[in-house]
Every structure is written in C-alpha cells, then in structure tokens.
C-alpha cells in the first residue's frame, strides 16, 4: 500500500480585512479569519527564518519575498 501524499498549501489570498483563503494540494479550499488561525496554534515559537514581506502587484496579486 502506497503512503498518502501529504497535503500542502498551494496559495493564500487576503479576504476582507481579517480573512484568508487557502488553496490546498488536494483540490480543496478553506476560508479562515485571524481568530481561527490563532486558536489552531495557541503556542507560538521563535522562528529562525527571515520574515516574509507581502506586497500587492498592480494586477492585485500578492507577492511574497524574504526581508
């Protein structure tokens, strides 16, 4: 029996002021508000990676880059 492929996040989009729409590799999408995401991860940990800066392109798409 083959192992199931892990589901990955493919894209994220802003939705309103405090929302986020996530597209997953299994073809599903999920809509979240900030409060829901914080409840999923109640303990935050220090990250050794550089923060990501998100900028909006002229066509409205978001571009993420490391600062």
C-alpha atoms as a PDB file:
ATOM      1  CA  UNK A   1       0.000   0.000   0.000  1.00  0.00           C
ATOM      2  CA  UNK A   2       1.449   3.367  -1.046  1.00  0.00           C
ATOM      3  CA  UNK A   3       1.790   6.105   1.538  1.00  0.00           C
ATOM      4  CA  UNK A   4      -0.632   9.002   1.161  1.00  0.00           C
ATOM      5  CA  UNK A   5       0.861  12.228  -0.143  1.00  0.00           C
ATOM      6  CA  UNK A   6       0.946  14.983   2.462  1.00  0.00           C
ATOM      7  CA  UNK A   7      -1.442  17.833   1.745  1.00  0.00           C
ATOM      8  CA  UNK A   8       0.352  21.125   1.117  1.00  0.00           C
ATOM      9  CA  UNK A   9      -0.755  24.743   0.944  1.00  0.00           C
ATOM     10  CA  UNK A  10      -0.588  25.944  -2.657  1.00  0.00           C
ATOM     11  CA  UNK A  11      -1.831  29.541  -2.401  1.00  0.00           C
ATOM     12  CA  UNK A  12      -3.152  32.040   0.098  1.00  0.00           C
ATOM     13  CA  UNK A  13      -5.221  35.155  -0.575  1.00  0.00           C
ATOM     14  CA  UNK A  14      -6.475  38.011   1.590  1.00  0.00           C
ATOM     15  CA  UNK A  15     -10.235  38.023   2.094  1.00  0.00           C
ATOM     16  CA  UNK A  16     -11.556  41.260   3.539  1.00  0.00           C
ATOM     17  CA  UNK A  17      -9.759  42.878   6.460  1.00  0.00           C
ATOM     18  CA  UNK A  18      -9.092  39.812   8.603  1.00  0.00           C
ATOM     19  CA  UNK A  19      -9.718  36.826   6.358  1.00  0.00           C
ATOM     20  CA  UNK A  20      -7.554  34.378   4.487  1.00  0.00           C
ATOM     21  CA  UNK A  21      -8.483  31.910   1.734  1.00  0.00           C
ATOM     22  CA  UNK A  22      -6.167  28.897   1.462  1.00  0.00           C
ATOM     23  CA  UNK A  23      -5.969  26.516  -1.524  1.00  0.00           C
ATOM     24  CA  UNK A  24      -4.647  23.041  -0.717  1.00  0.00           C
ATOM     25  CA  UNK A  25      -2.924  20.475  -2.945  1.00  0.00           C
ATOM     26  CA  UNK A  26      -5.854  18.048  -2.621  1.00  0.00           C
ATOM     27  CA  UNK A  27      -8.089  20.478  -4.540  1.00  0.00           C
ATOM     28  CA  UNK A  28      -9.923  21.900  -1.532  1.00  0.00           C
ATOM     29  CA  UNK A  29     -10.060  25.471  -0.223  1.00  0.00           C
ATOM     30  CA  UNK A  30     -10.610  26.832   3.249  1.00  0.00           C
ATOM     31  CA  UNK A  31     -11.634  30.249   4.493  1.00  0.00           C
ATOM     32  CA  UNK A  32     -10.287  31.459   7.824  1.00  0.00           C
ATOM     33  CA  UNK A  33     -10.320  34.587   9.965  1.00  0.00           C
ATOM     34  CA  UNK A  34      -7.338  35.536  12.080  1.00  0.00           C
ATOM     35  CA  UNK A  35      -9.002  34.463  15.343  1.00  0.00           C
ATOM     36  CA  UNK A  36      -9.490  30.917  13.996  1.00  0.00           C
ATOM     37  CA  UNK A  37      -5.850  30.639  12.942  1.00  0.00           C
ATOM     38  CA  UNK A  38      -4.613  31.818  16.320  1.00  0.00           C
ATOM     39  CA  UNK A  39      -6.817  29.220  18.024  1.00  0.00           C
ATOM     40  CA  UNK A  40      -5.256  26.460  15.894  1.00  0.00           C
ATOM     41  CA  UNK A  41      -1.764  27.387  17.057  1.00  0.00           C
ATOM     42  CA  UNK A  42      -2.084  28.568  20.672  1.00  0.00           C
ATOM     43  CA  UNK A  43       1.656  28.328  21.366  1.00  0.00           C
ATOM     44  CA  UNK A  44       3.923  30.399  19.164  1.00  0.00           C
ATOM     45  CA  UNK A  45       7.582  29.561  18.732  1.00  0.00           C
ATOM     46  CA  UNK A  46      10.544  31.653  17.647  1.00  0.00           C
ATOM     47  CA  UNK A  47      11.410  31.122  14.015  1.00  0.00           C
ATOM     48  CA  UNK A  48      14.944  31.082  12.651  1.00  0.00           C
ATOM     49  CA  UNK A  49      13.759  32.024   9.161  1.00  0.00           C
ATOM     50  CA  UNK A  50      13.563  35.592   7.968  1.00  0.00           C
ATOM     51  CA  UNK A  51      10.106  37.197   7.953  1.00  0.00           C
ATOM     52  CA  UNK A  52       8.146  37.313   4.707  1.00  0.00           C
ATOM     53  CA  UNK A  53       7.128  40.676   3.283  1.00  0.00           C
ATOM     54  CA  UNK A  54       3.929  40.629   1.219  1.00  0.00           C
ATOM     55  CA  UNK A  55       3.389  43.293  -1.420  1.00  0.00           C
ATOM     56  CA  UNK A  56       0.479  43.757  -3.785  1.00  0.00           C
ATOM     57  CA  UNK A  57       1.246  43.845  -7.514  1.00  0.00           C
ATOM     58  CA  UNK A  58      -0.538  46.239  -9.884  1.00  0.00           C
ATOM     59  CA  UNK A  59      -2.848  43.450 -11.052  1.00  0.00           C
ATOM     60  CA  UNK A  60      -3.944  42.790  -7.448  1.00  0.00           C
ATOM     61  CA  UNK A  61      -1.931  39.586  -6.931  1.00  0.00           C
ATOM     62  CA  UNK A  62       0.212  39.248  -3.828  1.00  0.00           C
ATOM     63  CA  UNK A  63       3.956  38.716  -3.992  1.00  0.00           C
ATOM     64  CA  UNK A  64       5.879  37.314  -1.031  1.00  0.00           C
ATOM     65  CA  UNK A  65       9.602  37.844  -0.511  1.00  0.00           C
ATOM     66  CA  UNK A  66      12.032  37.407   2.372  1.00  0.00           C
ATOM     67  CA  UNK A  67      13.177  40.621   4.092  1.00  0.00           C
END
